Amino acid sequence: MLAPMRISALMFSFLLVSTVHATPAEAPEDTGPFMMGKVVLSQIDQVRQTVTVKASDLVTNALGFLGVPYRRGGNSAEAGFDCSGFVRATYEQTIGLILPRRAEQQAAATQRIDKSDLQPGDLVFFNTMRRAFSHVGIYIGEGKFVHSPKPGDEVRVDNMGQSYWSRRFDGARRVLSSANDNP
């Protein structure tokens, strides 16, 4: 008597499971939002990859200028760079954006972000001349930035955590495509 009850229970379970899964008429309606979500996620992923590649290219290009001497008013690797000339040349050569020439103008033309939101390729500003936004560099990740610091020096990487830089930190900015409209 026990065996027929087990068979009946198994048959009931089988019928219940097959009934639940046998709704082909509803499937096309349910996949619409699902497919739309997959498309949106795919587009978001493509944008993320593009941004990541551009930021990586920007950092790679900036690091390619290591050792170029500082030159006040300089804006090329051949002549030397000052801080804002270095940033401007790096952005123009890497992604075709023409930033304003001076550090404070670059700060005004870019979007303010929180220090905790820094990503490679963002700009970091410092007060090194007793005025806001008097120095700029390019954030490369892990608390470090690349910049052209001062006369007698050359393009180099520094740590934002060093006391000199942390005391003078003025803010972080993100370059948007609209910065191209403000040369």
N, C-alpha and C. Protein backbone atom coordinates (compact mmCIF):
# COMPACT_ATOMS: atom_id res chain seq x y z
N MET A 1 0.82 -1.18 0.00
CA MET A 1 0.00 0.00 0.00
C MET A 1 0.87 1.26 0.00
N LEU A 2 2.05 1.16 0.58
CA LEU A 2 2.95 2.30 0.65
C LEU A 2 3.51 2.65 -0.73
N ALA A 3 3.82 1.65 -1.54
CA ALA A 3 4.38 1.90 -2.86
C ALA A 3 3.40 2.66 -3.75
N PRO A 4 2.10 2.31 -3.81
CA PRO A 4 1.18 3.07 -4.66
C PRO A 4 1.07 4.53 -4.20
N MET A 5 1.17 4.80 -2.92
CA MET A 5 1.09 6.18 -2.44
C MET A 5 2.30 6.99 -2.91
N ARG A 6 3.48 6.35 -2.90
CA ARG A 6 4.68 7.05 -3.38
C ARG A 6 4.57 7.34 -4.87
N ILE A 7 4.05 6.38 -5.62
CA ILE A 7 3.89 6.58 -7.06
C ILE A 7 2.89 7.70 -7.31
N SER A 8 1.81 7.73 -6.56
CA SER A 8 0.82 8.79 -6.73
C SER A 8 1.42 10.15 -6.39
N ALA A 9 2.20 10.20 -5.35
CA ALA A 9 2.84 11.46 -4.96
C ALA A 9 3.83 11.91 -6.02
N LEU A 10 4.57 10.98 -6.59
CA LEU A 10 5.51 11.32 -7.65
C LEU A 10 4.77 11.81 -8.89
N MET A 11 3.67 11.16 -9.24
CA MET A 11 2.89 11.57 -10.42
C MET A 11 2.29 12.96 -10.19
N PHE A 12 1.79 13.21 -8.98
CA PHE A 12 1.23 14.51 -8.66
C PHE A 12 2.30 15.60 -8.78
N SER A 13 3.50 15.32 -8.25
CA SER A 13 4.60 16.27 -8.34
C SER A 13 4.98 16.53 -9.79
N PHE A 14 5.04 15.47 -10.58
CA PHE A 14 5.38 15.61 -11.99
C PHE A 14 4.34 16.47 -12.71
N LEU A 15 3.06 16.22 -12.46
CA LEU A 15 2.00 16.99 -13.10
C LEU A 15 2.06 18.45 -12.66
N LEU A 16 2.32 18.68 -11.40
CA LEU A 16 2.40 20.04 -10.89
C LEU A 16 3.55 20.79 -11.54
N VAL A 17 4.72 20.17 -11.61
CA VAL A 17 5.89 20.80 -12.21
C VAL A 17 5.67 21.05 -13.70
N SER A 18 5.12 20.10 -14.43
CA SER A 18 4.91 20.29 -15.86
C SER A 18 3.84 21.35 -16.13
N THR A 19 2.87 21.51 -15.24
CA THR A 19 1.86 22.54 -15.40
C THR A 19 2.46 23.92 -15.20
N VAL A 20 3.32 24.05 -14.21
CA VAL A 20 3.94 25.33 -13.91
C VAL A 20 4.82 25.78 -15.08
N HIS A 21 5.55 24.87 -15.71
CA HIS A 21 6.46 25.22 -16.79
C HIS A 21 5.79 25.25 -18.15
N ALA A 22 4.57 24.81 -18.27
CA ALA A 22 3.90 24.74 -19.57
C ALA A 22 3.06 25.99 -19.81
N THR A 23 3.72 27.15 -19.92
CA THR A 23 3.00 28.39 -20.21
C THR A 23 3.69 29.14 -21.34
N PRO A 24 3.78 28.52 -22.55
CA PRO A 24 4.51 29.16 -23.62
C PRO A 24 3.86 30.46 -24.11
N ALA A 25 2.57 30.63 -23.94
CA ALA A 25 1.92 31.84 -24.42
C ALA A 25 2.37 33.07 -23.64
N GLU A 26 2.79 32.91 -22.39
CA GLU A 26 3.21 34.04 -21.58
C GLU A 26 4.69 34.40 -21.80
N ALA A 27 5.48 33.49 -22.29
CA ALA A 27 6.92 33.70 -22.39
C ALA A 27 7.29 34.92 -23.25
N PRO A 28 6.72 35.10 -24.46
CA PRO A 28 7.14 36.26 -25.24
C PRO A 28 6.88 37.60 -24.54
N GLU A 29 5.77 37.73 -23.83
CA GLU A 29 5.48 38.97 -23.13
C GLU A 29 6.49 39.22 -22.02
N ASP A 30 6.89 38.18 -21.32
CA ASP A 30 7.80 38.33 -20.20
C ASP A 30 9.23 38.62 -20.64
N THR A 31 9.62 38.21 -21.84
CA THR A 31 11.00 38.41 -22.28
C THR A 31 11.23 39.83 -22.78
N GLY A 32 10.21 40.58 -23.12
CA GLY A 32 10.37 41.95 -23.60
C GLY A 32 11.15 42.81 -22.62
N PRO A 33 10.64 42.96 -21.40
CA PRO A 33 11.39 43.76 -20.42
C PRO A 33 12.77 43.17 -20.12
N PHE A 34 12.85 41.84 -20.11
CA PHE A 34 14.12 41.19 -19.84
C PHE A 34 15.14 41.54 -20.93
N MET A 35 14.70 41.42 -22.19
CA MET A 35 15.60 41.73 -23.31
C MET A 35 15.98 43.21 -23.30
N MET A 36 15.03 44.09 -22.99
CA MET A 36 15.32 45.51 -22.93
C MET A 36 16.36 45.78 -21.84
N GLY A 37 16.22 45.11 -20.72
CA GLY A 37 17.19 45.26 -19.64
C GLY A 37 18.57 44.78 -20.06
N LYS A 38 18.62 43.69 -20.82
CA LYS A 38 19.92 43.18 -21.30
C LYS A 38 20.56 44.17 -22.25
N VAL A 39 19.76 44.81 -23.10
CA VAL A 39 20.29 45.79 -24.05
C VAL A 39 20.85 46.99 -23.29
N VAL A 40 20.10 47.48 -22.32
CA VAL A 40 20.56 48.63 -21.53
C VAL A 40 21.84 48.28 -20.78
N LEU A 41 21.87 47.10 -20.16
CA LEU A 41 23.08 46.68 -19.45
C LEU A 41 24.26 46.56 -20.39
N SER A 42 24.01 46.06 -21.59
CA SER A 42 25.08 45.94 -22.58
C SER A 42 25.60 47.32 -22.98
N GLN A 43 24.70 48.28 -23.16
CA GLN A 43 25.12 49.64 -23.52
C GLN A 43 25.90 50.28 -22.37
N ILE A 44 25.44 50.08 -21.15
CA ILE A 44 26.16 50.62 -19.99
C ILE A 44 27.55 50.01 -19.92
N ASP A 45 27.65 48.72 -20.16
CA ASP A 45 28.94 48.05 -20.13
C ASP A 45 29.87 48.58 -21.21
N GLN A 46 29.33 48.85 -22.40
CA GLN A 46 30.15 49.41 -23.49
C GLN A 46 30.67 50.79 -23.11
N VAL A 47 29.82 51.63 -22.53
CA VAL A 47 30.24 52.96 -22.10
C VAL A 47 31.32 52.84 -21.03
N ARG A 48 31.11 51.94 -20.06
CA ARG A 48 32.09 51.73 -19.00
C ARG A 48 33.43 51.30 -19.58
N GLN A 49 33.40 50.39 -20.54
CA GLN A 49 34.64 49.93 -21.16
C GLN A 49 35.33 51.06 -21.93
N THR A 50 34.54 51.87 -22.63
CA THR A 50 35.11 53.00 -23.38
C THR A 50 35.76 53.99 -22.43
N VAL A 51 35.07 54.31 -21.34
CA VAL A 51 35.62 55.24 -20.35
C VAL A 51 36.89 54.67 -19.75
N THR A 52 36.87 53.38 -19.42
CA THR A 52 38.04 52.73 -18.84
C THR A 52 39.22 52.75 -19.80
N VAL A 53 38.96 52.48 -21.08
CA VAL A 53 40.03 52.49 -22.07
C VAL A 53 40.59 53.90 -22.23
N LYS A 54 39.70 54.91 -22.30
CA LYS A 54 40.17 56.29 -22.44
C LYS A 54 40.99 56.71 -21.23
N ALA A 55 40.52 56.37 -20.04
CA ALA A 55 41.27 56.72 -18.82
C ALA A 55 42.62 56.01 -18.81
N SER A 56 42.63 54.77 -19.21
CA SER A 56 43.88 54.01 -19.27
C SER A 56 44.83 54.63 -20.29
N ASP A 57 44.32 55.00 -21.45
CA ASP A 57 45.14 55.65 -22.46
C ASP A 57 45.68 56.98 -21.95
N LEU A 58 44.83 57.72 -21.25
CA LEU A 58 45.23 59.02 -20.72
C LEU A 58 46.37 58.87 -19.71
N VAL A 59 46.22 57.93 -18.80
CA VAL A 59 47.25 57.69 -17.79
C VAL A 59 48.54 57.20 -18.46
N THR A 60 48.41 56.29 -19.40
CA THR A 60 49.59 55.78 -20.12
C THR A 60 50.31 56.90 -20.83
N ASN A 61 49.57 57.76 -21.51
CA ASN A 61 50.17 58.88 -22.22
C ASN A 61 50.85 59.84 -21.25
N ALA A 62 50.17 60.15 -20.14
CA ALA A 62 50.73 61.05 -19.14
C ALA A 62 52.04 60.48 -18.59
N LEU A 63 52.06 59.19 -18.31
CA LEU A 63 53.27 58.57 -17.77
C LEU A 63 54.40 58.54 -18.82
N GLY A 64 54.01 58.61 -20.09
CA GLY A 64 55.01 58.66 -21.15
C GLY A 64 55.82 59.95 -21.12
N PHE A 65 55.33 60.97 -20.42
CA PHE A 65 56.04 62.24 -20.31
C PHE A 65 56.96 62.32 -19.09
N LEU A 66 57.05 61.24 -18.33
CA LEU A 66 57.94 61.25 -17.17
C LEU A 66 59.34 61.67 -17.60
N GLY A 67 59.93 62.58 -16.84
CA GLY A 67 61.28 63.03 -17.13
C GLY A 67 61.35 64.28 -18.00
N VAL A 68 60.22 64.71 -18.59
CA VAL A 68 60.23 65.94 -19.38
C VAL A 68 60.44 67.10 -18.41
N PRO A 69 61.37 68.01 -18.70
CA PRO A 69 61.67 69.08 -17.75
C PRO A 69 60.53 70.09 -17.61
N TYR A 70 60.46 70.70 -16.42
CA TYR A 70 59.52 71.78 -16.16
C TYR A 70 59.98 73.01 -16.93
N ARG A 71 59.01 73.70 -17.51
CA ARG A 71 59.30 74.99 -18.13
C ARG A 71 58.08 75.87 -17.96
N ARG A 72 58.25 77.00 -17.32
CA ARG A 72 57.13 77.92 -17.11
C ARG A 72 56.55 78.32 -18.47
N GLY A 73 55.23 78.16 -18.60
CA GLY A 73 54.56 78.46 -19.86
C GLY A 73 54.71 77.37 -20.90
N GLY A 74 55.43 76.31 -20.57
CA GLY A 74 55.69 75.23 -21.54
C GLY A 74 54.47 74.35 -21.77
N ASN A 75 54.29 73.94 -23.02
CA ASN A 75 53.14 73.11 -23.34
C ASN A 75 53.45 72.01 -24.35
N SER A 76 54.73 71.61 -24.41
CA SER A 76 55.09 70.49 -25.29
C SER A 76 56.24 69.71 -24.67
N ALA A 77 56.34 68.44 -25.07
CA ALA A 77 57.42 67.60 -24.55
C ALA A 77 58.77 68.12 -25.02
N GLU A 78 58.81 68.70 -26.22
CA GLU A 78 60.07 69.21 -26.77
C GLU A 78 60.56 70.44 -25.99
N ALA A 79 59.64 71.33 -25.65
CA ALA A 79 60.01 72.57 -24.97
C ALA A 79 59.98 72.44 -23.45
N GLY A 80 59.24 71.47 -22.93
CA GLY A 80 59.04 71.32 -21.50
C GLY A 80 57.62 71.72 -21.14
N PHE A 81 57.21 71.38 -19.93
CA PHE A 81 55.84 71.63 -19.48
C PHE A 81 55.83 72.39 -18.17
N ASP A 82 54.83 73.26 -18.01
CA ASP A 82 54.43 73.64 -16.66
C ASP A 82 53.24 72.74 -16.34
N CYS A 83 52.66 72.87 -15.15
CA CYS A 83 51.64 71.90 -14.73
C CYS A 83 50.41 71.90 -15.64
N SER A 84 49.88 73.07 -15.94
CA SER A 84 48.66 73.12 -16.75
C SER A 84 48.93 72.81 -18.21
N GLY A 85 50.12 73.17 -18.69
CA GLY A 85 50.50 72.82 -20.06
C GLY A 85 50.61 71.32 -20.23
N PHE A 86 51.13 70.65 -19.20
CA PHE A 86 51.23 69.19 -19.20
C PHE A 86 49.84 68.56 -19.28
N VAL A 87 48.92 69.02 -18.43
CA VAL A 87 47.56 68.47 -18.41
C VAL A 87 46.88 68.73 -19.75
N ARG A 88 46.99 69.94 -20.23
CA ARG A 88 46.35 70.30 -21.50
C ARG A 88 46.88 69.45 -22.65
N ALA A 89 48.19 69.32 -22.76
CA ALA A 89 48.79 68.54 -23.85
C ALA A 89 48.39 67.07 -23.75
N THR A 90 48.36 66.53 -22.54
CA THR A 90 48.00 65.12 -22.36
C THR A 90 46.56 64.87 -22.81
N TYR A 91 45.64 65.72 -22.40
CA TYR A 91 44.24 65.55 -22.80
C TYR A 91 44.06 65.74 -24.29
N GLU A 92 44.72 66.74 -24.86
CA GLU A 92 44.56 67.00 -26.29
C GLU A 92 45.13 65.85 -27.11
N GLN A 93 46.31 65.37 -26.77
CA GLN A 93 46.94 64.29 -27.54
C GLN A 93 46.23 62.96 -27.38
N THR A 94 45.66 62.72 -26.20
CA THR A 94 45.07 61.42 -25.93
C THR A 94 43.63 61.31 -26.41
N ILE A 95 42.80 62.30 -26.06
CA ILE A 95 41.39 62.18 -26.40
C ILE A 95 40.84 63.36 -27.19
N GLY A 96 41.71 64.25 -27.60
CA GLY A 96 41.29 65.34 -28.46
C GLY A 96 40.55 66.48 -27.78
N LEU A 97 40.53 66.51 -26.47
CA LEU A 97 39.89 67.61 -25.75
C LEU A 97 40.89 68.72 -25.50
N ILE A 98 40.47 69.94 -25.80
CA ILE A 98 41.34 71.08 -25.57
C ILE A 98 40.86 71.78 -24.31
N LEU A 99 41.65 71.65 -23.26
CA LEU A 99 41.34 72.28 -21.99
C LEU A 99 41.87 73.72 -21.98
N PRO A 100 41.33 74.56 -21.10
CA PRO A 100 41.90 75.90 -20.97
C PRO A 100 43.38 75.83 -20.58
N ARG A 101 44.10 76.93 -20.73
CA ARG A 101 45.54 76.92 -20.53
C ARG A 101 45.98 76.95 -19.07
N ARG A 102 45.30 77.68 -18.23
CA ARG A 102 45.75 77.85 -16.84
C ARG A 102 45.02 76.90 -15.89
N ALA A 103 45.70 76.55 -14.79
CA ALA A 103 45.15 75.60 -13.83
C ALA A 103 43.80 76.05 -13.28
N GLU A 104 43.68 77.31 -12.88
CA GLU A 104 42.40 77.76 -12.32
C GLU A 104 41.29 77.76 -13.37
N GLN A 105 41.64 77.98 -14.64
CA GLN A 105 40.66 77.90 -15.73
C GLN A 105 40.25 76.44 -15.96
N GLN A 106 41.21 75.53 -15.84
CA GLN A 106 40.89 74.11 -15.98
C GLN A 106 39.95 73.67 -14.87
N ALA A 107 40.16 74.17 -13.66
CA ALA A 107 39.27 73.84 -12.54
C ALA A 107 37.86 74.36 -12.83
N ALA A 108 37.76 75.57 -13.35
CA ALA A 108 36.45 76.17 -13.62
C ALA A 108 35.72 75.45 -14.75
N ALA A 109 36.46 74.84 -15.67
CA ALA A 109 35.85 74.20 -16.85
C ALA A 109 35.53 72.72 -16.64
N THR A 110 35.77 72.22 -15.44
CA THR A 110 35.57 70.80 -15.18
C THR A 110 34.60 70.59 -14.02
N GLN A 111 34.12 69.37 -13.89
CA GLN A 111 33.11 69.05 -12.87
C GLN A 111 33.76 68.68 -11.55
N ARG A 112 33.31 69.33 -10.49
CA ARG A 112 33.81 69.05 -9.15
C ARG A 112 33.36 67.65 -8.73
N ILE A 113 34.28 66.89 -8.15
CA ILE A 113 33.96 65.57 -7.61
C ILE A 113 34.59 65.45 -6.23
N ASP A 114 34.08 64.51 -5.46
CA ASP A 114 34.62 64.25 -4.14
C ASP A 114 35.94 63.48 -4.27
N LYS A 115 36.85 63.74 -3.38
CA LYS A 115 38.14 63.05 -3.39
C LYS A 115 37.96 61.53 -3.38
N SER A 116 36.94 61.06 -2.68
CA SER A 116 36.70 59.62 -2.60
C SER A 116 36.20 59.03 -3.92
N ASP A 117 35.78 59.89 -4.86
CA ASP A 117 35.30 59.44 -6.17
C ASP A 117 36.36 59.50 -7.25
N LEU A 118 37.59 59.85 -6.88
CA LEU A 118 38.65 59.97 -7.88
C LEU A 118 38.84 58.68 -8.67
N GLN A 119 39.00 58.86 -9.98
CA GLN A 119 39.30 57.76 -10.89
C GLN A 119 40.48 58.17 -11.75
N PRO A 120 41.25 57.19 -12.24
CA PRO A 120 42.37 57.54 -13.12
C PRO A 120 41.91 58.45 -14.26
N GLY A 121 42.68 59.49 -14.49
CA GLY A 121 42.35 60.46 -15.53
C GLY A 121 41.71 61.73 -15.01
N ASP A 122 41.22 61.70 -13.76
CA ASP A 122 40.65 62.91 -13.16
C ASP A 122 41.77 63.89 -12.83
N LEU A 123 41.40 65.15 -12.66
CA LEU A 123 42.37 66.18 -12.32
C LEU A 123 42.39 66.42 -10.82
N VAL A 124 43.56 66.67 -10.28
CA VAL A 124 43.70 67.01 -8.87
C VAL A 124 44.39 68.37 -8.79
N PHE A 125 43.86 69.22 -7.91
CA PHE A 125 44.34 70.60 -7.80
C PHE A 125 44.90 70.86 -6.41
N PHE A 126 45.89 71.75 -6.38
CA PHE A 126 46.57 72.07 -5.15
C PHE A 126 46.81 73.58 -5.07
N ASN A 127 46.89 74.08 -3.84
CA ASN A 127 47.21 75.47 -3.58
C ASN A 127 48.69 75.53 -3.21
N THR A 128 49.53 75.79 -4.21
CA THR A 128 50.98 75.82 -3.98
C THR A 128 51.55 77.23 -4.02
N MET A 129 50.70 78.22 -4.35
CA MET A 129 51.19 79.59 -4.47
C MET A 129 50.31 80.57 -3.70
N ARG A 130 49.74 80.09 -2.61
CA ARG A 130 48.85 80.89 -1.77
C ARG A 130 47.64 81.42 -2.54
N ARG A 131 47.21 80.63 -3.52
CA ARG A 131 45.96 80.93 -4.22
C ARG A 131 45.36 79.60 -4.69
N ALA A 132 44.05 79.57 -4.70
CA ALA A 132 43.34 78.34 -5.06
C ALA A 132 43.69 77.90 -6.48
N PHE A 133 43.76 76.61 -6.65
CA PHE A 133 43.96 75.99 -7.96
C PHE A 133 45.20 76.51 -8.69
N SER A 134 46.29 76.67 -7.96
CA SER A 134 47.52 77.15 -8.58
C SER A 134 48.38 76.02 -9.13
N HIS A 135 48.01 74.77 -8.86
CA HIS A 135 48.75 73.62 -9.39
C HIS A 135 47.77 72.51 -9.74
N VAL A 136 48.07 71.78 -10.82
CA VAL A 136 47.19 70.70 -11.29
C VAL A 136 48.02 69.50 -11.73
N GLY A 137 47.45 68.33 -11.54
CA GLY A 137 48.05 67.08 -12.00
C GLY A 137 46.95 66.12 -12.42
N ILE A 138 47.36 64.98 -12.93
CA ILE A 138 46.42 63.95 -13.39
C ILE A 138 46.49 62.77 -12.44
N TYR A 139 45.33 62.41 -11.87
CA TYR A 139 45.26 61.29 -10.94
C TYR A 139 45.47 59.99 -11.72
N ILE A 140 46.32 59.10 -11.19
CA ILE A 140 46.60 57.83 -11.88
C ILE A 140 46.14 56.61 -11.09
N GLY A 141 45.58 56.83 -9.91
CA GLY A 141 45.09 55.72 -9.09
C GLY A 141 45.97 55.49 -7.87
N GLU A 142 45.40 54.79 -6.89
CA GLU A 142 46.10 54.41 -5.67
C GLU A 142 46.71 55.61 -4.94
N GLY A 143 46.01 56.76 -4.99
CA GLY A 143 46.46 57.94 -4.27
C GLY A 143 47.62 58.68 -4.93
N LYS A 144 47.93 58.35 -6.17
CA LYS A 144 49.07 58.96 -6.84
C LYS A 144 48.62 59.82 -8.02
N PHE A 145 49.46 60.79 -8.37
CA PHE A 145 49.18 61.65 -9.51
C PHE A 145 50.47 61.98 -10.23
N VAL A 146 50.34 62.30 -11.50
CA VAL A 146 51.49 62.67 -12.33
C VAL A 146 51.35 64.15 -12.65
N HIS A 147 52.47 64.87 -12.60
CA HIS A 147 52.42 66.32 -12.79
C HIS A 147 53.80 66.86 -13.12
N SER A 148 53.82 68.11 -13.52
CA SER A 148 55.07 68.84 -13.77
C SER A 148 55.20 69.85 -12.63
N PRO A 149 56.01 69.56 -11.62
CA PRO A 149 55.94 70.28 -10.35
C PRO A 149 56.49 71.70 -10.28
N LYS A 150 57.73 71.93 -10.71
CA LYS A 150 58.33 73.25 -10.44
C LYS A 150 59.60 73.42 -11.26
N PRO A 151 60.09 74.65 -11.37
CA PRO A 151 61.34 74.89 -12.08
C PRO A 151 62.48 74.05 -11.51
N GLY A 152 63.29 73.51 -12.40
CA GLY A 152 64.41 72.67 -11.98
C GLY A 152 64.03 71.22 -11.79
N ASP A 153 62.75 70.90 -11.93
CA ASP A 153 62.27 69.53 -11.76
C ASP A 153 61.74 69.03 -13.10
N GLU A 154 61.14 67.86 -13.08
CA GLU A 154 60.59 67.28 -14.31
C GLU A 154 59.30 66.54 -14.00
N VAL A 155 58.57 66.17 -15.05
CA VAL A 155 57.31 65.44 -14.87
C VAL A 155 57.60 64.19 -14.06
N ARG A 156 56.80 64.01 -13.00
CA ARG A 156 57.01 62.88 -12.09
C ARG A 156 55.69 62.46 -11.45
N VAL A 157 55.75 61.35 -10.73
CA VAL A 157 54.61 60.83 -9.98
C VAL A 157 54.83 61.13 -8.51
N ASP A 158 53.79 61.63 -7.85
CA ASP A 158 53.85 61.88 -6.41
C ASP A 158 52.62 61.25 -5.75
N ASN A 159 52.74 61.07 -4.45
CA ASN A 159 51.66 60.50 -3.65
C ASN A 159 50.88 61.64 -2.99
N MET A 160 49.57 61.66 -3.18
CA MET A 160 48.74 62.71 -2.58
C MET A 160 48.73 62.63 -1.06
N GLY A 161 49.12 61.49 -0.52
CA GLY A 161 49.15 61.32 0.93
C GLY A 161 50.36 61.96 1.59
N GLN A 162 51.37 62.34 0.81
CA GLN A 162 52.53 63.02 1.39
C GLN A 162 52.05 64.32 2.03
N SER A 163 52.63 64.66 3.15
CA SER A 163 52.13 65.82 3.90
C SER A 163 52.11 67.09 3.06
N TYR A 164 53.13 67.32 2.25
CA TYR A 164 53.15 68.54 1.42
C TYR A 164 51.89 68.62 0.56
N TRP A 165 51.55 67.54 -0.14
CA TRP A 165 50.42 67.54 -1.06
C TRP A 165 49.09 67.48 -0.31
N SER A 166 49.02 66.70 0.74
CA SER A 166 47.73 66.59 1.46
C SER A 166 47.34 67.91 2.11
N ARG A 167 48.31 68.68 2.60
CA ARG A 167 48.01 69.99 3.19
C ARG A 167 47.55 71.01 2.15
N ARG A 168 47.97 70.82 0.92
CA ARG A 168 47.68 71.80 -0.12
C ARG A 168 46.57 71.36 -1.08
N PHE A 169 45.99 70.19 -0.84
CA PHE A 169 44.95 69.68 -1.74
C PHE A 169 43.78 70.66 -1.81
N ASP A 170 43.40 71.01 -3.03
CA ASP A 170 42.36 72.01 -3.28
C ASP A 170 41.08 71.40 -3.85
N GLY A 171 41.14 70.19 -4.33
CA GLY A 171 39.94 69.58 -4.87
C GLY A 171 40.24 68.71 -6.08
N ALA A 172 39.23 67.94 -6.43
CA ALA A 172 39.31 67.03 -7.57
C ALA A 172 38.25 67.42 -8.59
N ARG A 173 38.56 67.23 -9.84
CA ARG A 173 37.65 67.58 -10.92
C ARG A 173 37.66 66.46 -11.96
N ARG A 174 36.52 66.34 -12.63
CA ARG A 174 36.41 65.38 -13.73
C ARG A 174 36.20 66.16 -15.02
N VAL A 175 36.92 65.78 -16.04
CA VAL A 175 36.82 66.43 -17.33
C VAL A 175 35.63 65.83 -18.08
N LEU A 176 34.73 66.69 -18.51
CA LEU A 176 33.59 66.28 -19.32
C LEU A 176 33.82 66.74 -20.75
N SER A 177 33.10 66.18 -21.69
CA SER A 177 33.29 66.57 -23.09
C SER A 177 32.99 68.05 -23.31
N SER A 178 32.17 68.67 -22.46
CA SER A 178 31.87 70.10 -22.62
C SER A 178 33.09 70.97 -22.37
N ALA A 179 34.13 70.40 -21.75
CA ALA A 179 35.35 71.18 -21.52
C ALA A 179 35.98 71.56 -22.86
N ASN A 180 35.68 70.79 -23.89
CA ASN A 180 36.20 71.07 -25.22
C ASN A 180 35.67 72.41 -25.75
N ASP A 181 34.55 72.87 -25.23
CA ASP A 181 33.96 74.11 -25.69
C ASP A 181 34.57 75.33 -25.01
N ASN A 182 35.50 75.13 -24.07
CA ASN A 182 36.08 76.23 -23.31
C ASN A 182 37.59 76.30 -23.45
N PRO A 183 38.13 76.51 -24.66
CA PRO A 183 39.59 76.51 -24.79
C PRO A 183 40.25 77.70 -24.14
